[in-house]
Amino acid sequence: MGNLKQVLIISSTGMGDSLWGTPALRALKTSFPDLKIDYLVDRRWVPLFWNNPWIDRLLVYQKQWYRQLGLQLRLALEPYDRILIFHANKDARRILQFKSHDLILAHQPFDWLAAERKIQLPDSTHGVQKRLEMVQRMGAQPAGGQMEIFFSAEEKAAGQATLERLNLTPGEYLYLNVGVSAPNRRWPGEQFAALAELALEQTDWKIVLGGGPLERNAIGEIAARLDPARVATTDDLGFKEDCYLIGQAKAMVTGNTGPMHVGFALETPTVALHFVTDPRHSGAFEIPAERHRTLQPEGLDADARPDRGISPERVWASAQSL
């Protein structure tokens, strides 16, 4: 590491992309405790990194160009010894335009970086491993691949209050994440409803339906098919409260999207549905087999099938096997 004192790490894209960086942050900080680490993340995901002991300072990325001007100036004035781009969009060039490219290391094929500033890795390399490879180039020793989310005492108390308000008991409900980041990753709402009905018929669990604002109608339609005394929704919860509920669930069923990685980070037994994504790159990483199941469509034309190639019965069997 030489005399490196301060590094900037950029992870300004998706929720999962940013959580993938947590094992590398841990590796850096445990290898070099005196190193100051600034972590730049999208404004939406900042709460995921509150209380993280491996981060010295959280910086906020916002997609509007005019909101990046202050960040650009702030970064220009910081005496960074190294800049690691864990994952970023095209705006990285703008916000770093006053920093020497000789300080930068990335794994993405940015055309504005010289070849020696880019690490070449196979496309199938998992996102967590890509970030670990980057910090290993700085001399850090890996400290495991488990992602992490930390809760303060106040956040835990708020989460417990939410469980009580929703009449939920930790470990006695199934969390179904209906939301996805792209339509081609979506499992139909009627399949989630059928899965929930199986769980309610065969167990005394309750059901929690999670998803973002765009899924509100779909969640409402699913909830209408279920016993209202045994179903709860998260559309009125804060971001960290919702994460807390995921962490306290008996199990979680989700498509390949941000909350899937929240479940992995919080060690919640998770059934992950991968329709168009390669789980080698974006699925479970160094997670014990008893804590996850990865399901992919059966059949060559899954999109043409009402269940998209993964039936509720198959998902329920996988959930029970956890």
C-alpha atoms as a PDB file:
ATOM      1  CA  MET A   1       0.000   0.000   0.000  1.00  0.00           C
ATOM      2  CA  GLY A   2       2.943   2.322   0.423  1.00  0.00           C
ATOM      3  CA  ASN A   3       1.850   5.667   1.868  1.00  0.00           C
ATOM      4  CA  LEU A   4      -1.764   5.570   0.739  1.00  0.00           C
ATOM      5  CA  LYS A   5      -3.909   7.412   3.272  1.00  0.00           C
ATOM      6  CA  GLN A   6      -7.221   8.162   1.553  1.00  0.00           C
ATOM      7  CA  VAL A   7      -9.180   6.403  -1.179  1.00  0.00           C
ATOM      8  CA  LEU A   8     -12.413   7.155  -2.999  1.00  0.00           C
ATOM      9  CA  ILE A   9     -14.615   4.235  -4.013  1.00  0.00           C
ATOM     10  CA  ILE A  10     -17.406   4.899  -6.493  1.00  0.00           C
ATOM     11  CA  SER A  11     -20.493   2.690  -6.645  1.00  0.00           C
ATOM     12  CA  SER A  12     -23.135   4.971  -8.094  1.00  0.00           C
ATOM     13  CA  THR A  13     -25.516   2.579  -9.853  1.00  0.00           C
ATOM     14  CA  GLY A  14     -27.946  -0.065  -8.530  1.00  0.00           C
ATOM     15  CA  MET A  15     -28.746  -1.226  -5.029  1.00  0.00           C
ATOM     16  CA  GLY A  16     -27.200  -4.641  -5.549  1.00  0.00           C
ATOM     17  CA  ASP A  17     -24.179  -3.166  -7.335  1.00  0.00           C
ATOM     18  CA  SER A  18     -23.490  -1.043  -4.260  1.00  0.00           C
ATOM     19  CA  LEU A  19     -24.021  -3.852  -1.734  1.00  0.00           C
ATOM     20  CA  TRP A  20     -21.606  -6.011  -3.718  1.00  0.00           C
ATOM     21  CA  GLY A  21     -18.888  -3.608  -2.606  1.00  0.00           C
ATOM     22  CA  THR A  22     -19.268  -4.282   1.125  1.00  0.00           C
ATOM     23  CA  PRO A  23     -16.957  -7.350   1.272  1.00  0.00           C
ATOM     24  CA  ALA A  24     -14.246  -5.348  -0.511  1.00  0.00           C
ATOM     25  CA  LEU A  25     -14.718  -2.422   1.882  1.00  0.00           C
ATOM     26  CA  ARG A  26     -14.298  -4.828   4.792  1.00  0.00           C
ATOM     27  CA  ALA A  27     -11.181  -6.323   3.213  1.00  0.00           C
ATOM     28  CA  LEU A  28      -9.617  -2.882   2.739  1.00  0.00           C
ATOM     29  CA  LYS A  29     -10.375  -1.604   6.218  1.00  0.00           C
ATOM     30  CA  THR A  30      -9.347  -4.755   8.065  1.00  0.00           C
ATOM     31  CA  SER A  31      -6.125  -4.934   6.050  1.00  0.00           C
ATOM     32  CA  PHE A  32      -5.333  -1.215   6.464  1.00  0.00           C
ATOM     33  CA  PRO A  33      -7.168   0.141   9.545  1.00  0.00           C
ATOM     34  CA  ASP A  34      -5.708   3.652   9.172  1.00  0.00           C
ATOM     35  CA  LEU A  35      -6.833   4.039   5.564  1.00  0.00           C
ATOM     36  CA  LYS A  36      -9.618   6.604   5.145  1.00  0.00           C
ATOM     37  CA  ILE A  37     -12.364   5.306   2.836  1.00  0.00           C
ATOM     38  CA  ASP A  38     -14.955   7.529   1.143  1.00  0.00           C
ATOM     39  CA  TYR A  39     -17.826   5.637  -0.505  1.00  0.00           C
ATOM     40  CA  LEU A  40     -19.855   7.379  -3.216  1.00  0.00           C
ATOM     41  CA  VAL A  41     -23.308   5.854  -3.712  1.00  0.00           C
ATOM     42  CA  ASP A  42     -26.619   6.760  -5.296  1.00  0.00           C
ATOM     43  CA  ARG A  43     -28.788   8.943  -3.069  1.00  0.00           C
ATOM     44  CA  ARG A  44     -31.506   6.267  -2.913  1.00  0.00           C
ATOM     45  CA  TRP A  45     -29.252   3.649  -1.304  1.00  0.00           C
ATOM     46  CA  VAL A  46     -27.407   5.790   1.244  1.00  0.00           C
ATOM     47  CA  PRO A  47     -29.358   4.332   4.241  1.00  0.00           C
ATOM     48  CA  LEU A  48     -27.987   0.878   3.405  1.00  0.00           C
ATOM     49  CA  PHE A  49     -24.537   2.110   4.399  1.00  0.00           C
ATOM     50  CA  TRP A  50     -25.366   4.038   7.552  1.00  0.00           C
ATOM     51  CA  ASN A  51     -23.411   2.645  10.529  1.00  0.00           C
ATOM     52  CA  ASN A  52     -21.052   0.661   8.269  1.00  0.00           C
ATOM     53  CA  PRO A  53     -17.776   0.487  10.256  1.00  0.00           C
ATOM     54  CA  TRP A  54     -15.658   0.071   7.106  1.00  0.00           C
ATOM     55  CA  ILE A  55     -16.695   3.448   5.662  1.00  0.00           C
ATOM     56  CA  ASP A  56     -15.295   6.714   6.987  1.00  0.00           C
ATOM     57  CA  ARG A  57     -17.500   9.018   4.912  1.00  0.00           C
ATOM     58  CA  LEU A  58     -20.513   8.506   2.679  1.00  0.00           C
ATOM     59  CA  LEU A  59     -20.772  10.724  -0.395  1.00  0.00           C
ATOM     60  CA  VAL A  60     -23.984  11.111  -2.370  1.00  0.00           C
ATOM     61  CA  TYR A  61     -24.403  10.757  -6.132  1.00  0.00           C
ATOM     62  CA  GLN A  62     -27.469  12.248  -7.836  1.00  0.00           C
ATOM     63  CA  LYS A  63     -28.257  11.703 -11.496  1.00  0.00           C
ATOM     64  CA  GLN A  64     -29.118  15.340 -12.381  1.00  0.00           C
ATOM     65  CA  TRP A  65     -26.016  16.884 -13.931  1.00  0.00           C
ATOM     66  CA  TYR A  66     -26.447  20.200 -12.140  1.00  0.00           C
ATOM     67  CA  ARG A  67     -26.482  18.384  -8.782  1.00  0.00           C
ATOM     68  CA  GLN A  68     -23.123  16.850  -9.652  1.00  0.00           C
ATOM     69  CA  LEU A  69     -21.298  20.180  -9.887  1.00  0.00           C
ATOM     70  CA  GLY A  70     -20.830  20.529  -6.139  1.00  0.00           C
ATOM     71  CA  LEU A  71     -19.703  16.904  -5.894  1.00  0.00           C
ATOM     72  CA  GLN A  72     -17.276  17.479  -8.743  1.00  0.00           C
ATOM     73  CA  LEU A  73     -15.667  20.385  -6.901  1.00  0.00           C
ATOM     74  CA  ARG A  74     -15.629  18.507  -3.602  1.00  0.00           C
ATOM     75  CA  LEU A  75     -13.808  15.537  -5.149  1.00  0.00           C
ATOM     76  CA  ALA A  76     -11.365  17.848  -6.916  1.00  0.00           C
ATOM     77  CA  LEU A  77     -10.262  19.272  -3.556  1.00  0.00           C
ATOM     78  CA  GLU A  78      -9.790  15.915  -1.809  1.00  0.00           C
ATOM     79  CA  PRO A  79      -6.222  14.509  -1.748  1.00  0.00           C
ATOM     80  CA  TYR A  80      -7.119  11.009  -2.820  1.00  0.00           C
ATOM     81  CA  ASP A  81      -4.243   8.595  -3.287  1.00  0.00           C
ATOM     82  CA  ARG A  82      -6.374   6.128  -5.276  1.00  0.00           C
ATOM     83  CA  ILE A  83      -9.844   6.035  -6.843  1.00  0.00           C
ATOM     84  CA  LEU A  84     -11.589   2.715  -7.381  1.00  0.00           C
ATOM     85  CA  ILE A  85     -14.653   2.583  -9.620  1.00  0.00           C
ATOM     86  CA  PHE A  86     -16.566  -0.432  -8.348  1.00  0.00           C
ATOM     87  CA  HIS A  87     -19.453   0.395 -10.713  1.00  0.00           C
ATOM     88  CA  ALA A  88     -20.593   3.622 -12.333  1.00  0.00           C
ATOM     89  CA  ASN A  89     -22.440   5.076 -15.290  1.00  0.00           C
ATOM     90  CA  LYS A  90     -21.096   7.588 -17.810  1.00  0.00           C
ATOM     91  CA  ASP A  91     -21.294  10.397 -15.233  1.00  0.00           C
ATOM     92  CA  ALA A  92     -18.119   9.083 -13.601  1.00  0.00           C
ATOM     93  CA  ARG A  93     -16.083  10.879 -16.243  1.00  0.00           C
ATOM     94  CA  ARG A  94     -17.763  14.203 -15.460  1.00  0.00           C
ATOM     95  CA  ILE A  95     -17.434  14.034 -11.696  1.00  0.00           C
ATOM     96  CA  LEU A  96     -13.782  12.936 -11.931  1.00  0.00           C
ATOM     97  CA  GLN A  97     -12.690  15.305 -14.677  1.00  0.00           C
ATOM     98  CA  PHE A  98     -10.411  17.218 -12.317  1.00  0.00           C
ATOM     99  CA  LYS A  99      -8.713  14.084 -10.980  1.00  0.00           C
ATOM    100  CA  SER A 100      -5.723  12.431 -12.628  1.00  0.00           C
ATOM    101  CA  HIS A 101      -6.678   9.259 -14.464  1.00  0.00           C
ATOM    102  CA  ASP A 102      -3.464   7.726 -13.153  1.00  0.00           C
ATOM    103  CA  LEU A 103      -5.199   7.438  -9.764  1.00  0.00           C
ATOM    104  CA  ILE A 104      -8.158   5.473 -11.137  1.00  0.00           C
ATOM    105  CA  LEU A 105      -8.717   1.724 -11.307  1.00  0.00           C
ATOM    106  CA  ALA A 106     -11.868   0.192 -12.845  1.00  0.00           C
ATOM    107  CA  HIS A 107     -13.155  -3.103 -14.207  1.00  0.00           C
ATOM    108  CA  GLN A 108     -15.671  -1.574 -16.634  1.00  0.00           C
ATOM    109  CA  PRO A 109     -14.534  -0.889 -20.240  1.00  0.00           C
ATOM    110  CA  PHE A 110     -14.663   2.906 -20.042  1.00  0.00           C
ATOM    111  CA  ASP A 111     -13.289   4.354 -23.291  1.00  0.00           C
ATOM    112  CA  TRP A 112     -11.915   7.373 -21.436  1.00  0.00           C
ATOM    113  CA  LEU A 113      -9.541   5.263 -19.321  1.00  0.00           C
ATOM    114  CA  ALA A 114      -6.265   3.866 -20.589  1.00  0.00           C
ATOM    115  CA  ALA A 115      -5.990   0.080 -20.784  1.00  0.00           C
ATOM    116  CA  GLU A 116      -3.611  -0.104 -17.836  1.00  0.00           C
ATOM    117  CA  ARG A 117      -6.269   1.527 -15.626  1.00  0.00           C
ATOM    118  CA  LYS A 118      -8.778  -1.273 -16.347  1.00  0.00           C
ATOM    119  CA  ILE A 119      -8.780  -4.768 -14.868  1.00  0.00           C
ATOM    120  CA  GLN A 120      -9.733  -7.431 -17.390  1.00  0.00           C
ATOM    121  CA  LEU A 121     -12.042 -10.066 -15.890  1.00  0.00           C
ATOM    122  CA  PRO A 122     -14.307 -12.698 -17.486  1.00  0.00           C
ATOM    123  CA  ASP A 123     -17.926 -11.592 -17.949  1.00  0.00           C
ATOM    124  CA  SER A 124     -19.090 -14.468 -15.745  1.00  0.00           C
ATOM    125  CA  THR A 125     -17.073 -13.190 -12.756  1.00  0.00           C
ATOM    126  CA  HIS A 126     -19.431 -12.380  -9.903  1.00  0.00           C
ATOM    127  CA  GLY A 127     -19.829  -8.700  -9.048  1.00  0.00           C
ATOM    128  CA  VAL A 128     -18.561  -9.268  -5.502  1.00  0.00           C
ATOM    129  CA  GLN A 129     -15.453 -11.006  -6.810  1.00  0.00           C
ATOM    130  CA  LYS A 130     -14.736  -8.170  -9.249  1.00  0.00           C
ATOM    131  CA  ARG A 131     -14.602  -5.711  -6.387  1.00  0.00           C
ATOM    132  CA  LEU A 132     -12.470  -8.035  -4.275  1.00  0.00           C
ATOM    133  CA  GLU A 133     -10.052  -8.377  -7.187  1.00  0.00           C
ATOM    134  CA  MET A 134      -9.710  -4.593  -7.284  1.00  0.00           C
ATOM    135  CA  VAL A 135      -8.814  -4.176  -3.616  1.00  0.00           C
ATOM    136  CA  GLN A 136      -6.460  -7.148  -3.792  1.00  0.00           C
ATOM    137  CA  ARG A 137      -4.538  -5.182  -6.427  1.00  0.00           C
ATOM    138  CA  MET A 138      -4.018  -2.651  -3.624  1.00  0.00           C
ATOM    139  CA  GLY A 139      -2.675  -5.337  -1.303  1.00  0.00           C
ATOM    140  CA  ALA A 140      -5.834  -6.019   0.731  1.00  0.00           C
ATOM    141  CA  GLN A 141      -6.423  -9.526   2.042  1.00  0.00           C
ATOM    142  CA  PRO A 142      -9.948 -10.923   1.459  1.00  0.00           C
ATOM    143  CA  ALA A 143     -12.123 -11.143   4.568  1.00  0.00           C
ATOM    144  CA  GLY A 144     -14.938 -13.274   3.152  1.00  0.00           C
ATOM    145  CA  GLY A 145     -17.619 -12.610   0.554  1.00  0.00           C
ATOM    146  CA  GLN A 146     -20.616 -12.015   2.850  1.00  0.00           C
ATOM    147  CA  MET A 147     -22.332  -8.682   2.138  1.00  0.00           C
ATOM    148  CA  GLU A 148     -23.330  -6.564   5.134  1.00  0.00           C
ATOM    149  CA  ILE A 149     -25.982  -4.093   6.298  1.00  0.00           C
ATOM    150  CA  PHE A 150     -25.799  -2.561   9.767  1.00  0.00           C
ATOM    151  CA  PHE A 151     -28.616  -1.215  11.955  1.00  0.00           C
ATOM    152  CA  SER A 152     -28.266   1.310  14.735  1.00  0.00           C
ATOM    153  CA  ALA A 153     -30.054   0.755  18.044  1.00  0.00           C
ATOM    154  CA  GLU A 154     -32.646   3.332  16.960  1.00  0.00           C
ATOM    155  CA  GLU A 155     -33.226   1.586  13.629  1.00  0.00           C
ATOM    156  CA  LYS A 156     -33.658  -1.756  15.366  1.00  0.00           C
ATOM    157  CA  ALA A 157     -36.166  -0.213  17.741  1.00  0.00           C
ATOM    158  CA  ALA A 158     -38.086   1.308  14.821  1.00  0.00           C
ATOM    159  CA  GLY A 159     -38.055  -2.059  13.059  1.00  0.00           C
ATOM    160  CA  GLN A 160     -39.400  -3.830  16.135  1.00  0.00           C
ATOM    161  CA  ALA A 161     -42.136  -1.219  16.461  1.00  0.00           C
ATOM    162  CA  THR A 162     -43.087  -1.839  12.824  1.00  0.00           C
ATOM    163  CA  LEU A 163     -43.291  -5.595  13.426  1.00  0.00           C
ATOM    164  CA  GLU A 164     -45.610  -4.975  16.374  1.00  0.00           C
ATOM    165  CA  ARG A 165     -47.766  -2.540  14.415  1.00  0.00           C
ATOM    166  CA  LEU A 166     -48.156  -5.051  11.583  1.00  0.00           C
ATOM    167  CA  ASN A 167     -48.755  -7.892  14.076  1.00  0.00           C
ATOM    168  CA  LEU A 168     -45.755  -9.820  12.746  1.00  0.00           C
ATOM    169  CA  THR A 169     -43.514 -12.191  14.702  1.00  0.00           C
ATOM    170  CA  PRO A 170     -39.867 -12.611  13.625  1.00  0.00           C
ATOM    171  CA  GLY A 171     -39.354 -15.898  11.827  1.00  0.00           C
ATOM    172  CA  GLU A 172     -43.074 -16.477  11.299  1.00  0.00           C
ATOM    173  CA  TYR A 173     -43.743 -14.768   7.987  1.00  0.00           C
ATOM    174  CA  LEU A 174     -42.777 -15.199   4.345  1.00  0.00           C
ATOM    175  CA  TYR A 175     -41.551 -12.051   2.604  1.00  0.00           C
ATOM    176  CA  LEU A 176     -42.523 -11.921  -1.080  1.00  0.00           C
ATOM    177  CA  ASN A 177     -40.716  -9.212  -3.027  1.00  0.00           C
ATOM    178  CA  VAL A 178     -42.995  -8.411  -5.970  1.00  0.00           C
ATOM    179  CA  GLY A 179     -40.857  -5.556  -7.297  1.00  0.00           C
ATOM    180  CA  VAL A 180     -38.103  -5.805  -9.883  1.00  0.00           C
ATOM    181  CA  SER A 181     -35.799  -3.357 -11.622  1.00  0.00           C
ATOM    182  CA  ALA A 182     -36.773  -4.453 -15.158  1.00  0.00           C
ATOM    183  CA  PRO A 183     -39.961  -5.995 -16.627  1.00  0.00           C
ATOM    184  CA  ASN A 184     -38.139  -9.020 -18.031  1.00  0.00           C
ATOM    185  CA  ARG A 185     -37.176 -10.019 -14.485  1.00  0.00           C
ATOM    186  CA  ARG A 186     -40.764  -9.979 -13.252  1.00  0.00           C
ATOM    187  CA  TRP A 187     -42.660 -13.036 -12.045  1.00  0.00           C
ATOM    188  CA  PRO A 188     -46.391 -12.516 -12.727  1.00  0.00           C
ATOM    189  CA  GLY A 189     -48.517 -11.267  -9.855  1.00  0.00           C
ATOM    190  CA  GLU A 190     -50.894 -14.211 -10.127  1.00  0.00           C
ATOM    191  CA  GLN A 191     -47.938 -16.533  -9.514  1.00  0.00           C
ATOM    192  CA  PHE A 192     -47.022 -14.660  -6.350  1.00  0.00           C
ATOM    193  CA  ALA A 193     -50.663 -14.897  -5.271  1.00  0.00           C
ATOM    194  CA  ALA A 194     -50.735 -18.651  -5.894  1.00  0.00           C
ATOM    195  CA  LEU A 195     -47.502 -19.049  -3.931  1.00  0.00           C
ATOM    196  CA  ALA A 196     -48.925 -17.040  -1.028  1.00  0.00           C
ATOM    197  CA  GLU A 197     -52.049 -19.192  -1.014  1.00  0.00           C
ATOM    198  CA  LEU A 198     -49.931 -22.353  -0.791  1.00  0.00           C
ATOM    199  CA  ALA A 199     -47.984 -20.927   2.145  1.00  0.00           C
ATOM    200  CA  LEU A 200     -51.150 -19.849   3.975  1.00  0.00           C
ATOM    201  CA  GLU A 201     -52.823 -23.224   3.413  1.00  0.00           C
ATOM    202  CA  GLN A 202     -49.887 -25.311   4.599  1.00  0.00           C
ATOM    203  CA  THR A 203     -48.416 -23.209   7.422  1.00  0.00           C
ATOM    204  CA  ASP A 204     -49.465 -20.738  10.084  1.00  0.00           C
ATOM    205  CA  TRP A 205     -47.107 -18.118   8.653  1.00  0.00           C
ATOM    206  CA  LYS A 206     -48.164 -14.686   7.566  1.00  0.00           C
ATOM    207  CA  ILE A 207     -47.298 -13.043   4.255  1.00  0.00           C
ATOM    208  CA  VAL A 208     -45.503  -9.740   3.725  1.00  0.00           C
ATOM    209  CA  LEU A 209     -45.782  -8.247   0.236  1.00  0.00           C
ATOM    210  CA  GLY A 210     -42.906  -5.932  -0.650  1.00  0.00           C
ATOM    211  CA  GLY A 211     -42.175  -3.748  -3.646  1.00  0.00           C
ATOM    212  CA  GLY A 212     -41.722  -0.180  -4.785  1.00  0.00           C
ATOM    213  CA  PRO A 213     -44.315   2.429  -5.778  1.00  0.00           C
ATOM    214  CA  LEU A 214     -44.612   0.963  -9.279  1.00  0.00           C
ATOM    215  CA  GLU A 215     -45.822  -2.334  -7.803  1.00  0.00           C
ATOM    216  CA  ARG A 216     -48.521  -0.825  -5.593  1.00  0.00           C
ATOM    217  CA  ASN A 217     -51.383  -1.930  -7.844  1.00  0.00           C
ATOM    218  CA  ALA A 218     -49.954  -5.425  -8.293  1.00  0.00           C
ATOM    219  CA  ILE A 219     -49.472  -5.771  -4.535  1.00  0.00           C
ATOM    220  CA  GLY A 220     -53.045  -4.629  -3.953  1.00  0.00           C
ATOM    221  CA  GLU A 221     -54.364  -7.235  -6.387  1.00  0.00           C
ATOM    222  CA  ILE A 222     -52.379  -9.994  -4.693  1.00  0.00           C
ATOM    223  CA  ALA A 223     -53.460  -8.894  -1.221  1.00  0.00           C
ATOM    224  CA  ALA A 224     -57.113  -8.905  -2.305  1.00  0.00           C
ATOM    225  CA  ARG A 225     -56.886 -12.664  -2.876  1.00  0.00           C
ATOM    226  CA  LEU A 226     -55.527 -13.385   0.606  1.00  0.00           C
ATOM    227  CA  ASP A 227     -56.855 -13.407   4.171  1.00  0.00           C
ATOM    228  CA  PRO A 228     -56.390  -9.766   5.281  1.00  0.00           C
ATOM    229  CA  ALA A 229     -55.593 -10.929   8.814  1.00  0.00           C
ATOM    230  CA  ARG A 230     -52.541 -12.782   7.522  1.00  0.00           C
ATOM    231  CA  VAL A 231     -51.069 -10.339   5.009  1.00  0.00           C
ATOM    232  CA  ALA A 232     -49.136  -7.087   5.377  1.00  0.00           C
ATOM    233  CA  THR A 233     -47.650  -4.686   2.835  1.00  0.00           C
ATOM    234  CA  THR A 234     -44.592  -2.435   3.037  1.00  0.00           C
ATOM    235  CA  ASP A 235     -45.626   0.473   0.799  1.00  0.00           C
ATOM    236  CA  ASP A 236     -45.844   2.880   3.748  1.00  0.00           C
ATOM    237  CA  LEU A 237     -42.521   1.906   5.322  1.00  0.00           C
ATOM    238  CA  GLY A 238     -39.211   3.699   5.288  1.00  0.00           C
ATOM    239  CA  PHE A 239     -36.372   2.102   3.351  1.00  0.00           C
ATOM    240  CA  LYS A 240     -34.415   0.819   6.360  1.00  0.00           C
ATOM    241  CA  GLU A 241     -37.616  -0.411   8.067  1.00  0.00           C
ATOM    242  CA  ASP A 242     -38.375  -2.504   5.002  1.00  0.00           C
ATOM    243  CA  CYS A 243     -34.860  -3.938   5.115  1.00  0.00           C
ATOM    244  CA  TYR A 244     -35.382  -4.799   8.768  1.00  0.00           C
ATOM    245  CA  LEU A 245     -38.517  -6.759   7.880  1.00  0.00           C
ATOM    246  CA  ILE A 246     -36.592  -8.700   5.242  1.00  0.00           C
ATOM    247  CA  GLY A 247     -33.967  -9.550   7.838  1.00  0.00           C
ATOM    248  CA  GLN A 248     -36.557 -10.916  10.294  1.00  0.00           C
ATOM    249  CA  ALA A 249     -38.471 -13.069   7.773  1.00  0.00           C
ATOM    250  CA  LYS A 250     -38.635 -16.851   7.890  1.00  0.00           C
ATOM    251  CA  ALA A 251     -37.736 -16.822   4.205  1.00  0.00           C
ATOM    252  CA  MET A 252     -37.893 -14.542   1.196  1.00  0.00           C
ATOM    253  CA  VAL A 253     -38.916 -15.098  -2.435  1.00  0.00           C
ATOM    254  CA  THR A 254     -37.706 -12.522  -4.937  1.00  0.00           C
ATOM    255  CA  GLY A 255     -36.608 -11.884  -8.479  1.00  0.00           C
ATOM    256  CA  ASN A 256     -33.043 -10.846  -9.218  1.00  0.00           C
ATOM    257  CA  THR A 257     -33.241  -7.276  -7.994  1.00  0.00           C
ATOM    258  CA  GLY A 258     -31.973  -5.054  -5.178  1.00  0.00           C
ATOM    259  CA  PRO A 259     -33.974  -6.569  -2.285  1.00  0.00           C
ATOM    260  CA  MET A 260     -32.602 -10.009  -3.207  1.00  0.00           C
ATOM    261  CA  HIS A 261     -29.155  -8.717  -2.260  1.00  0.00           C
ATOM    262  CA  VAL A 262     -30.593  -7.195   0.917  1.00  0.00           C
ATOM    263  CA  GLY A 263     -31.838 -10.682   1.819  1.00  0.00           C
ATOM    264  CA  PHE A 264     -28.420 -12.166   1.118  1.00  0.00           C
ATOM    265  CA  ALA A 265     -26.709  -9.441   3.159  1.00  0.00           C
ATOM    266  CA  LEU A 266     -29.027 -10.008   6.133  1.00  0.00           C
ATOM    267  CA  GLU A 267     -28.648 -13.808   5.918  1.00  0.00           C
ATOM    268  CA  THR A 268     -32.337 -14.361   5.265  1.00  0.00           C
ATOM    269  CA  PRO A 269     -33.066 -17.748   3.619  1.00  0.00           C
ATOM    270  CA  THR A 270     -33.854 -16.652   0.067  1.00  0.00           C
ATOM    271  CA  VAL A 271     -35.358 -18.239  -3.041  1.00  0.00           C
ATOM    272  CA  ALA A 272     -34.052 -16.199  -5.985  1.00  0.00           C
ATOM    273  CA  LEU A 273     -35.783 -16.309  -9.379  1.00  0.00           C
ATOM    274  CA  HIS A 274     -33.489 -15.663 -12.336  1.00  0.00           C
ATOM    275  CA  PHE A 275     -35.301 -15.287 -15.660  1.00  0.00           C
ATOM    276  CA  VAL A 276     -32.848 -13.464 -17.926  1.00  0.00           C
ATOM    277  CA  THR A 277     -29.819 -12.957 -15.676  1.00  0.00           C
ATOM    278  CA  ASP A 278     -26.860 -15.242 -15.086  1.00  0.00           C
ATOM    279  CA  PRO A 279     -26.693 -16.223 -11.397  1.00  0.00           C
ATOM    280  CA  ARG A 280     -22.952 -16.801 -11.750  1.00  0.00           C
ATOM    281  CA  HIS A 281     -22.585 -13.039 -12.151  1.00  0.00           C
ATOM    282  CA  SER A 282     -25.402 -11.656 -10.031  1.00  0.00           C
ATOM    283  CA  GLY A 283     -26.724 -14.433  -7.785  1.00  0.00           C
ATOM    284  CA  ALA A 284     -25.634 -15.762  -4.415  1.00  0.00           C
ATOM    285  CA  PHE A 285     -21.923 -15.448  -3.660  1.00  0.00           C
ATOM    286  CA  GLU A 286     -20.245 -17.497  -0.922  1.00  0.00           C
ATOM    287  CA  ILE A 287     -23.608 -18.061   0.768  1.00  0.00           C
ATOM    288  CA  PRO A 288     -24.173 -21.464   2.419  1.00  0.00           C
ATOM    289  CA  ALA A 289     -26.471 -23.756   0.470  1.00  0.00           C
ATOM    290  CA  GLU A 290     -28.911 -23.968   3.375  1.00  0.00           C
ATOM    291  CA  ARG A 291     -29.590 -20.233   3.042  1.00  0.00           C
ATOM    292  CA  HIS A 292     -30.470 -19.901  -0.624  1.00  0.00           C
ATOM    293  CA  ARG A 293     -32.047 -21.551  -3.636  1.00  0.00           C
ATOM    294  CA  THR A 294     -31.545 -20.320  -7.198  1.00  0.00           C
ATOM    295  CA  LEU A 295     -34.328 -21.129  -9.665  1.00  0.00           C
ATOM    296  CA  GLN A 296     -34.256 -20.639 -13.416  1.00  0.00           C
ATOM    297  CA  PRO A 297     -36.984 -21.265 -16.021  1.00  0.00           C
ATOM    298  CA  GLU A 298     -37.616 -24.751 -17.293  1.00  0.00           C
ATOM    299  CA  GLY A 299     -38.234 -24.974 -21.022  1.00  0.00           C
ATOM    300  CA  LEU A 300     -36.828 -23.068 -23.973  1.00  0.00           C
ATOM    301  CA  ASP A 301     -39.589 -20.485 -24.285  1.00  0.00           C
ATOM    302  CA  ALA A 302     -40.201 -19.369 -20.726  1.00  0.00           C
ATOM    303  CA  ASP A 303     -41.512 -15.915 -21.670  1.00  0.00           C
ATOM    304  CA  ALA A 304     -44.413 -17.512 -23.555  1.00  0.00           C
ATOM    305  CA  ARG A 305     -45.544 -19.463 -20.494  1.00  0.00           C
ATOM    306  CA  PRO A 306     -48.036 -18.044 -17.979  1.00  0.00           C
ATOM    307  CA  ASP A 307     -45.678 -18.931 -15.107  1.00  0.00           C
ATOM    308  CA  ARG A 308     -42.562 -17.811 -17.042  1.00  0.00           C
ATOM    309  CA  GLY A 309     -41.092 -21.273 -16.576  1.00  0.00           C
ATOM    310  CA  ILE A 310     -41.053 -21.301 -12.758  1.00  0.00           C
ATOM    311  CA  SER A 311     -44.239 -22.593 -11.135  1.00  0.00           C
ATOM    312  CA  PRO A 312     -45.526 -21.576  -7.683  1.00  0.00           C
ATOM    313  CA  GLU A 313     -45.341 -25.228  -6.621  1.00  0.00           C
ATOM    314  CA  ARG A 314     -41.656 -25.359  -7.520  1.00  0.00           C
ATOM    315  CA  VAL A 315     -40.943 -22.149  -5.630  1.00  0.00           C
ATOM    316  CA  TRP A 316     -42.864 -23.353  -2.585  1.00  0.00           C
ATOM    317  CA  ALA A 317     -40.954 -26.639  -2.552  1.00  0.00           C
ATOM    318  CA  SER A 318     -37.696 -24.676  -2.632  1.00  0.00           C
ATOM    319  CA  ALA A 319     -38.850 -22.382   0.176  1.00  0.00           C
ATOM    320  CA  GLN A 320     -39.788 -25.367   2.316  1.00  0.00           C
ATOM    321  CA  SER A 321     -36.402 -26.972   1.663  1.00  0.00           C
ATOM    322  CA  LEU A 322     -34.760 -23.971   3.348  1.00  0.00           C
END
